[in-house]
Amino acid sequence: MLLEQFNAAPADQARELLKPCLDVPRWIEEITEARPFASLEDLLDAARGAASPFTAAELEGALAHHPRIGENARGKSTEASMSRSEQSGVDPRDHATVTALAEGNRAYEEKFGRVFLIRAAGRSAAEMLSALRERLGHSPEQEDAIVAGQLREIAVLRLEQSLLEQSLSREEHGRMSVSHVTTHILDTAAGKPAAGVAVELYARDGEAWSQIGTGTTDADGRVKDLGPERLASGEYRLQFATGAYFAGIGQETFFPEVSLTFTVNENEAHYHVPLLLSPFAFSTYRGS
């Protein structure tokens, strides 16, 4: 089960998983001490509850760990890696938007005395810039409530993402039924895994692409048996039927499908290629 490892982990190990999600000691302790959880939703509800409300000191401490929107987090920490993935909607080659975000960040910090915070996962650069400009017109009291809400969303989303990443247990990695490439989809707009999404795996064959595997995401948004157990080195592509998924939940989307192309080295045991998805933005990264 998704929660088995987290529920059974020593307290120090549980704290280490929670810390990159939200570095607020009280929040970490409340969740650690509340284990075991019967379901993922129970855990996420507890995370939301522990994050409401924050004290002023907790907000200030948590914000110290967040980079400015449009600036890549530095370092090799889990938190920095999460931040870079979340901000993948900002294209550094889009100089006009990057400049506008930098100017907006400075104006926000001058007015409110803290970094501009927004849940970046699943949002495009244009959406974040629009929100930044709108929030510059808020009062400090309005922003206090919004910042607390955004911080809570980020923490819960990161926690769910971390658990999904770790849900392939050692036993599952060792089973012959787990393919060389696996994936999962997190619907960042809904804050839950995207179930029932058709996924196809292709291999490059010269100038063409050949389908070598298919699957459908399960209730955890995951496909574990997508194609062969071993792949030769080369280029591969995952194609997600995102349009059909959003149509099924009555949501319009800009993306009728999403394709991710990546390189496989046959000497590496496993490739996990997740998709963080919203109706109008998506991002990916090399998982574990």
Protein backbone atom coordinates (compact mmCIF):
# COMPACT_ATOMS: atom_id res chain seq x y z
CA MET A 1 0.00 0.00 0.00
CA LEU A 2 0.98 3.60 -0.59
CA LEU A 3 1.25 4.47 3.12
CA GLU A 4 2.88 1.31 4.49
CA GLN A 5 6.44 2.60 4.38
CA PHE A 6 5.54 6.02 5.78
CA ASN A 7 3.43 4.58 8.60
CA ALA A 8 6.11 2.06 9.57
CA ALA A 9 9.15 4.32 9.17
CA PRO A 10 11.11 5.44 12.24
CA ALA A 11 10.13 8.93 13.39
CA ASP A 12 13.38 10.48 12.18
CA GLN A 13 12.88 9.02 8.72
CA ALA A 14 9.29 10.27 8.57
CA ARG A 15 10.47 13.75 9.56
CA GLU A 16 13.08 13.70 6.78
CA LEU A 17 10.37 12.95 4.22
CA LEU A 18 8.14 15.74 5.55
CA LYS A 19 10.78 18.45 5.93
CA PRO A 20 11.23 19.25 2.18
CA CYS A 21 7.45 19.56 1.89
CA LEU A 22 7.20 22.22 4.59
CA ASP A 23 10.02 23.09 6.99
CA VAL A 24 7.80 23.97 9.94
CA PRO A 25 8.77 21.83 12.97
CA ARG A 26 5.29 21.90 14.55
CA TRP A 27 3.67 20.72 11.30
CA ILE A 28 6.23 17.94 10.92
CA GLU A 29 5.76 16.74 14.49
CA GLU A 30 1.97 16.76 14.36
CA ILE A 31 1.91 14.56 11.27
CA THR A 32 4.66 12.24 12.51
CA GLU A 33 2.93 11.68 15.85
CA ALA A 34 -0.49 11.13 14.22
CA ARG A 35 0.64 8.01 12.35
CA PRO A 36 -0.55 5.48 11.31
CA PHE A 37 -2.99 6.78 8.71
CA ALA A 38 -5.66 4.53 7.22
CA SER A 39 -5.57 6.17 3.79
CA LEU A 40 -3.72 8.73 1.72
CA GLU A 41 -6.67 11.11 2.04
CA ASP A 42 -6.52 10.82 5.85
CA LEU A 43 -2.85 11.77 5.73
CA LEU A 44 -3.45 14.72 3.41
CA ASP A 45 -6.37 15.90 5.56
CA ALA A 46 -4.09 15.80 8.59
CA ALA A 47 -1.45 17.76 6.67
CA ARG A 48 -4.00 20.42 5.74
CA GLY A 49 -5.28 20.60 9.30
CA ALA A 50 -1.80 20.96 10.78
CA ALA A 51 -1.12 23.76 8.27
CA SER A 52 -4.16 25.79 9.31
CA PRO A 53 -3.44 28.19 10.76
CA PHE A 54 0.24 29.10 10.67
CA THR A 55 1.76 31.52 13.14
CA ALA A 56 3.51 34.61 11.79
CA ALA A 57 6.87 33.12 12.80
CA GLU A 58 6.09 29.84 11.00
CA LEU A 59 5.19 31.71 7.82
CA GLU A 60 8.37 33.74 7.96
CA GLY A 61 10.51 30.66 8.55
CA ALA A 62 8.88 28.65 5.77
CA LEU A 63 9.16 31.47 3.23
CA ALA A 64 12.90 31.67 3.86
CA HIS A 65 13.23 28.35 1.99
CA HIS A 66 11.34 29.37 -1.15
CA PRO A 67 13.19 30.92 -4.12
CA ARG A 68 11.68 33.75 -6.10
CA ILE A 69 9.36 32.77 -8.92
CA GLY A 70 11.43 32.74 -12.11
CA GLU A 71 14.68 31.91 -10.29
CA ASN A 72 15.90 28.31 -10.16
CA ALA A 73 16.57 26.92 -6.70
CA ARG A 74 20.22 26.01 -6.24
CA GLY A 75 21.67 22.91 -4.64
CA LYS A 76 21.02 19.18 -4.69
CA SER A 77 18.53 18.98 -1.83
CA THR A 78 15.13 17.34 -2.25
CA GLU A 79 13.47 20.70 -1.62
CA ALA A 80 15.54 22.40 -4.33
CA SER A 81 14.74 19.61 -6.78
CA MET A 82 11.01 19.93 -6.02
CA SER A 83 11.16 23.69 -6.52
CA ARG A 84 12.90 23.38 -9.90
CA SER A 85 10.28 20.86 -11.05
CA GLU A 86 7.43 23.08 -9.84
CA GLN A 87 8.80 26.10 -11.70
CA SER A 88 9.31 24.24 -14.97
CA GLY A 89 6.51 26.34 -16.44
CA VAL A 90 8.94 29.29 -16.55
CA ASP A 91 11.05 29.14 -19.71
CA PRO A 92 14.36 30.96 -19.08
CA ARG A 93 14.52 31.71 -22.82
CA ASP A 94 11.34 33.80 -22.52
CA HIS A 95 13.26 36.92 -21.53
CA ALA A 96 10.25 39.23 -21.51
CA THR A 97 8.33 37.09 -19.01
CA VAL A 98 11.39 36.39 -16.87
CA THR A 99 12.13 40.14 -16.72
CA ALA A 100 8.52 40.94 -15.86
CA LEU A 101 8.56 38.35 -13.07
CA ALA A 102 11.79 39.79 -11.67
CA GLU A 103 10.34 43.31 -11.68
CA GLY A 104 7.14 42.04 -10.06
CA ASN A 105 9.10 40.16 -7.40
CA ARG A 106 11.00 43.33 -6.48
CA ALA A 107 7.79 45.37 -6.27
CA TYR A 108 6.12 42.70 -4.14
CA GLU A 109 9.06 42.46 -1.73
CA GLU A 110 9.23 46.23 -1.39
CA LYS A 111 5.52 46.38 -0.53
CA PHE A 112 5.12 43.30 1.67
CA GLY A 113 8.66 42.65 2.93
CA ARG A 114 8.74 39.00 1.88
CA VAL A 115 9.11 36.80 -1.20
CA PHE A 116 6.13 36.34 -3.50
CA LEU A 117 4.78 32.83 -2.96
CA ILE A 118 2.48 30.88 -5.26
CA ARG A 119 1.89 27.20 -5.96
CA ALA A 120 3.88 27.02 -9.19
CA ALA A 121 3.20 23.34 -10.01
CA GLY A 122 0.75 23.09 -12.87
CA ARG A 123 0.82 26.83 -13.57
CA SER A 124 2.30 28.51 -16.62
CA ALA A 125 4.62 31.51 -16.36
CA ALA A 126 1.86 33.73 -17.73
CA GLU A 127 -0.57 32.54 -15.04
CA MET A 128 1.95 33.22 -12.29
CA LEU A 129 2.78 36.66 -13.67
CA SER A 130 -0.92 37.53 -13.84
CA ALA A 131 -1.43 36.41 -10.23
CA LEU A 132 1.61 38.41 -9.11
CA ARG A 133 0.31 41.61 -10.70
CA GLU A 134 -3.13 41.10 -9.21
CA ARG A 135 -1.79 40.44 -5.73
CA LEU A 136 0.31 43.60 -5.79
CA GLY A 137 -2.99 45.43 -5.33
CA HIS A 138 -3.86 43.55 -2.14
CA SER A 139 -3.60 44.78 1.42
CA PRO A 140 -1.14 43.08 3.82
CA GLU A 141 -4.08 41.39 5.55
CA GLN A 142 -5.36 39.95 2.27
CA GLU A 143 -1.91 38.67 1.39
CA ASP A 144 -1.41 37.03 4.79
CA ALA A 145 -4.38 34.76 4.13
CA ILE A 146 -3.40 34.05 0.51
CA VAL A 147 0.23 33.25 1.37
CA ALA A 148 -0.86 30.84 4.10
CA GLY A 149 -3.21 29.11 1.66
CA GLN A 150 -0.54 28.84 -1.06
CA LEU A 151 1.98 27.46 1.43
CA ARG A 152 -0.56 24.86 2.53
CA GLU A 153 -1.24 23.84 -1.09
CA ILE A 154 2.49 23.49 -1.79
CA ALA A 155 3.07 21.39 1.33
CA VAL A 156 0.21 18.98 0.63
CA LEU A 157 1.10 18.64 -3.05
CA ARG A 158 4.75 17.94 -2.23
CA LEU A 159 3.78 15.38 0.40
CA GLU A 160 1.55 13.52 -2.03
CA GLN A 161 4.23 13.65 -4.71
CA SER A 162 6.86 12.31 -2.28
CA LEU A 163 4.68 9.39 -1.25
CA LEU A 164 3.84 8.55 -4.85
CA GLU A 165 7.53 8.58 -5.68
CA GLN A 166 8.30 6.16 -2.87
CA SER A 167 5.33 3.87 -3.40
CA LEU A 168 7.32 1.50 -5.60
CA SER A 169 8.66 -0.65 -2.77
CA ARG A 170 11.82 -2.72 -2.92
CA GLU A 171 9.67 -5.79 -3.51
CA GLU A 172 7.94 -4.13 -6.47
CA HIS A 173 11.26 -3.08 -7.96
CA GLY A 174 12.37 -6.70 -7.75
CA ARG A 175 9.29 -8.19 -9.39
CA MET A 176 9.53 -9.24 -13.03
CA SER A 177 6.20 -7.48 -13.67
CA VAL A 178 7.68 -4.00 -13.19
CA SER A 179 8.78 -2.55 -16.51
CA HIS A 180 12.02 -0.72 -17.25
CA VAL A 181 9.98 2.49 -17.63
CA THR A 182 7.17 3.41 -15.24
CA THR A 183 5.14 6.57 -14.80
CA HIS A 184 2.53 8.24 -12.66
CA ILE A 185 0.34 11.29 -13.17
CA LEU A 186 -0.57 13.82 -10.52
CA ASP A 187 -3.46 16.13 -11.37
CA THR A 188 -2.09 19.27 -9.72
CA ALA A 189 -5.30 21.23 -10.25
CA ALA A 190 -7.38 18.61 -8.44
CA GLY A 191 -4.64 17.75 -5.95
CA LYS A 192 -4.92 13.99 -6.53
CA PRO A 193 -3.63 11.22 -8.80
CA ALA A 194 -5.06 11.08 -12.32
CA ALA A 195 -6.67 7.65 -12.70
CA GLY A 196 -7.77 6.03 -15.94
CA VAL A 197 -5.35 7.83 -18.27
CA ALA A 198 -4.23 5.80 -21.30
CA VAL A 199 -0.44 5.79 -21.73
CA GLU A 200 1.61 4.51 -24.67
CA LEU A 201 5.36 3.82 -24.79
CA TYR A 202 7.24 4.23 -28.07
CA ALA A 203 10.82 3.50 -29.14
CA ARG A 204 12.66 5.42 -31.85
CA ASP A 205 13.27 3.26 -34.90
CA GLY A 206 15.36 5.36 -37.26
CA GLU A 207 13.15 8.28 -38.26
CA ALA A 208 9.98 6.55 -37.06
CA TRP A 209 8.51 5.59 -33.69
CA SER A 210 7.31 2.07 -32.84
CA GLN A 211 4.82 1.36 -30.06
CA ILE A 212 6.27 -1.14 -27.56
CA GLY A 213 3.91 -0.87 -24.60
CA THR A 214 0.58 0.43 -23.35
CA GLY A 215 -1.11 0.88 -20.01
CA THR A 216 -3.69 2.81 -18.03
CA THR A 217 -3.04 4.66 -14.78
CA ASP A 218 -4.48 2.98 -11.68
CA ALA A 219 -6.21 4.60 -8.70
CA ASP A 220 -2.82 5.98 -7.56
CA GLY A 221 -2.24 7.48 -11.02
CA ARG A 222 0.49 4.93 -11.69
CA VAL A 223 1.45 2.51 -14.47
CA LYS A 224 3.98 -0.11 -13.32
CA ASP A 225 3.87 -2.59 -16.22
CA LEU A 226 4.44 -0.29 -19.18
CA GLY A 227 6.32 -2.27 -21.80
CA PRO A 228 9.37 -4.55 -21.57
CA GLU A 229 11.24 -5.35 -18.37
CA ARG A 230 14.50 -4.34 -20.06
CA LEU A 231 15.14 -1.80 -22.80
CA ALA A 232 18.15 -1.20 -24.99
CA SER A 233 19.87 2.18 -24.87
CA GLY A 234 18.12 4.73 -27.04
CA GLU A 235 15.37 7.31 -27.29
CA TYR A 236 11.87 6.59 -26.03
CA ARG A 237 8.60 8.48 -25.80
CA LEU A 238 5.62 8.40 -23.45
CA GLN A 239 2.31 9.59 -24.87
CA PHE A 240 -0.53 10.45 -22.49
CA ALA A 241 -4.19 10.73 -23.56
CA THR A 242 -4.77 13.84 -21.48
CA GLY A 243 -7.64 15.17 -23.58
CA ALA A 244 -9.77 12.09 -22.93
CA TYR A 245 -8.95 12.26 -19.21
CA PHE A 246 -10.05 15.89 -18.86
CA ALA A 247 -13.15 15.28 -20.99
CA GLY A 248 -14.08 12.46 -18.64
CA ILE A 249 -14.06 14.79 -15.63
CA GLY A 250 -15.80 17.63 -17.46
CA GLN A 251 -12.75 19.90 -17.62
CA GLU A 252 -11.51 21.85 -20.66
CA THR A 253 -7.81 21.55 -21.45
CA PHE A 254 -5.25 23.09 -23.77
CA PHE A 255 -3.55 19.71 -24.25
CA PRO A 256 -5.37 16.93 -26.17
CA GLU A 257 -2.28 14.80 -25.51
CA VAL A 258 1.13 15.11 -23.88
CA SER A 259 4.31 13.51 -25.27
CA LEU A 260 7.55 13.18 -23.31
CA THR A 261 10.73 12.08 -25.09
CA PHE A 262 13.72 10.86 -23.06
CA THR A 263 16.90 8.79 -23.30
CA VAL A 264 17.37 5.37 -21.70
CA ASN A 265 20.70 3.77 -20.75
CA GLU A 266 20.29 0.00 -20.64
CA ASN A 267 22.78 -0.21 -17.76
CA GLU A 268 20.44 1.69 -15.43
CA ALA A 269 17.90 -0.47 -13.64
CA HIS A 270 14.79 1.68 -13.75
CA TYR A 271 13.36 4.85 -15.28
CA HIS A 272 10.43 6.58 -13.61
CA VAL A 273 9.02 9.46 -15.69
CA PRO A 274 6.18 11.24 -13.84
CA LEU A 275 3.79 13.83 -15.22
CA LEU A 276 2.54 16.78 -13.15
CA LEU A 277 -0.56 17.84 -15.01
CA SER A 278 -3.10 20.65 -15.02
CA PRO A 279 -5.55 21.74 -17.73
CA PHE A 280 -3.20 24.45 -19.04
CA ALA A 281 0.32 23.43 -17.95
CA PHE A 282 2.41 20.36 -17.28
CA SER A 283 5.89 19.44 -16.10
CA THR A 284 8.03 16.33 -15.69
CA TYR A 285 11.33 15.16 -14.20
CA ARG A 286 13.48 12.03 -13.82
CA GLY A 287 11.98 10.22 -10.83
CA SER A 288 13.31 7.34 -8.76
